[in-house]
Protein backbone atom coordinates (compact mmCIF):
# COMPACT_ATOMS: atom_id res chain seq x y z
CA UNK A 1 0.00 0.00 0.00
CA UNK A 2 1.33 3.40 -0.99
CA UNK A 3 0.65 6.29 1.35
CA UNK A 4 0.47 9.77 -0.12
CA UNK A 5 0.77 12.95 1.91
CA UNK A 6 -2.36 15.06 2.07
CA UNK A 7 -2.67 18.80 1.63
CA UNK A 8 -3.59 20.41 4.95
CA UNK A 9 -5.67 23.52 4.36
CA UNK A 10 -7.23 25.91 6.89
CA UNK A 11 -10.45 24.78 8.56
CA UNK A 12 -12.47 27.30 6.57
CA UNK A 13 -11.99 25.34 3.34
CA UNK A 14 -14.36 22.58 2.40
CA UNK A 15 -13.82 19.08 3.72
CA UNK A 16 -13.37 17.71 0.19
CA UNK A 17 -10.54 20.14 -0.52
CA UNK A 18 -8.98 19.53 2.88
CA UNK A 19 -8.74 15.79 2.20
CA UNK A 20 -7.30 16.15 -1.31
CA UNK A 21 -4.19 14.05 -1.75
CA UNK A 22 -1.15 15.08 -3.75
CA UNK A 23 -1.80 12.01 -5.90
CA UNK A 24 -5.22 13.47 -6.79
CA UNK A 25 -3.58 16.67 -7.99
CA UNK A 26 -0.94 14.81 -9.99
CA UNK A 27 -3.49 12.61 -11.75
CA UNK A 28 -6.01 15.32 -12.59
CA UNK A 29 -6.66 16.51 -16.12
CA UNK A 30 -7.07 20.08 -14.93
CA UNK A 31 -3.54 20.03 -13.50
CA UNK A 32 -2.30 18.81 -16.86
CA UNK A 33 -4.10 21.60 -18.72
CA UNK A 34 -2.82 24.26 -16.29
CA UNK A 35 0.75 22.96 -16.72
CA UNK A 36 0.36 23.04 -20.52
CA UNK A 37 -0.79 26.66 -20.39
CA UNK A 38 2.07 27.58 -18.05
CA UNK A 39 4.58 25.82 -20.30
CA UNK A 40 3.21 27.56 -23.39
CA UNK A 41 3.21 30.96 -21.70
CA UNK A 42 6.67 30.73 -20.15
CA UNK A 43 8.14 29.31 -23.37
CA UNK A 44 6.70 32.10 -25.51
CA UNK A 45 7.92 34.75 -23.04
CA UNK A 46 11.39 33.19 -23.12
CA UNK A 47 11.33 33.18 -26.94
CA UNK A 48 10.41 36.86 -26.87
CA UNK A 49 13.54 37.62 -24.84
CA UNK A 50 15.86 35.58 -27.05
CA UNK A 51 15.79 32.09 -25.59
CA UNK A 52 15.58 29.07 -27.88
CA UNK A 53 14.03 25.62 -27.70
CA UNK A 54 16.32 22.84 -26.43
CA UNK A 55 14.14 20.00 -27.70
CA UNK A 56 15.20 19.42 -31.33
CA UNK A 57 11.75 18.25 -32.46
CA UNK A 58 9.96 21.26 -31.00
CA UNK A 59 12.76 23.52 -32.24
CA UNK A 60 12.20 22.25 -35.78
CA UNK A 61 8.43 22.74 -35.47
CA UNK A 62 8.95 26.32 -34.30
CA UNK A 63 11.03 26.99 -37.42
CA UNK A 64 8.32 25.52 -39.66
CA UNK A 65 5.19 26.81 -37.87
CA UNK A 66 6.64 29.83 -36.06
CA UNK A 67 7.25 30.07 -32.30
CA UNK A 68 3.59 30.17 -31.28
CA UNK A 69 2.40 27.65 -33.86
CA UNK A 70 5.17 25.14 -33.13
CA UNK A 71 4.73 25.17 -29.37
CA UNK A 72 0.93 25.25 -29.60
CA UNK A 73 0.99 22.27 -31.97
CA UNK A 74 3.02 20.24 -29.45
CA UNK A 75 0.59 21.20 -26.67
CA UNK A 76 -2.38 19.91 -28.71
CA UNK A 77 -0.52 16.66 -29.45
CA UNK A 78 0.41 16.26 -25.77
CA UNK A 79 -3.22 16.72 -24.70
CA UNK A 80 -4.49 14.23 -27.27
CA UNK A 81 -1.91 11.62 -26.24
CA UNK A 82 -2.16 11.93 -22.47
CA UNK A 83 -5.95 12.07 -22.33
CA UNK A 84 -5.98 8.64 -24.00
CA UNK A 85 -3.38 7.27 -21.57
CA UNK A 86 -4.92 8.34 -18.26
CA UNK A 87 -2.75 6.00 -16.18
CA UNK A 88 0.35 8.01 -17.13
CA UNK A 89 -1.17 11.39 -16.23
CA UNK A 90 0.91 11.65 -13.06
CA UNK A 91 4.14 11.07 -15.02
CA UNK A 92 3.21 13.74 -17.56
CA UNK A 93 2.25 16.18 -14.80
CA UNK A 94 5.54 15.67 -12.98
CA UNK A 95 7.45 16.06 -16.25
CA UNK A 96 5.67 19.29 -17.20
CA UNK A 97 6.03 20.62 -13.66
CA UNK A 98 9.77 20.22 -14.15
CA UNK A 99 9.58 21.89 -17.57
CA UNK A 100 7.67 24.87 -16.16
CA UNK A 101 10.17 25.19 -13.29
CA UNK A 102 13.03 25.10 -15.80
CA UNK A 103 11.33 27.76 -17.93
CA UNK A 104 10.96 29.98 -14.87
CA UNK A 105 14.66 29.52 -14.04
CA UNK A 106 15.52 30.51 -17.62
CA UNK A 107 13.29 33.58 -17.38
CA UNK A 108 14.88 34.59 -14.08
CA UNK A 109 18.31 34.18 -15.67
CA UNK A 110 17.29 36.33 -18.64
CA UNK A 111 15.92 38.99 -16.30
CA UNK A 112 19.13 38.96 -14.26
CA UNK A 113 21.34 39.30 -17.35
CA UNK A 114 19.21 42.09 -18.81
CA UNK A 115 19.37 44.13 -15.59
CA UNK A 116 23.10 43.76 -14.92
């Protein structure tokens, strides 16, 4: 049996929210969609400030379809794939959480370089 930590929220929140497990968040479709939007947004902001795509496949798509089109195309493909493979949702969510964190680190680095 695997035990997952629970999110402890203030008493004023509903009982359902108070008993939500981290596993529930990691396996939810809404978390996946939010992470896709965050990845798209942070990637496009980084492109605007001169960053480039490290993934060669996505990099090629951005050259063919443009920055927005290439990244948006990969987001649509990711949604179509992962919604059919629900059991791997938690893996995809962890992966994209890491991608979003990396994008934020890149943006912070760009901001630091631009201001110094």
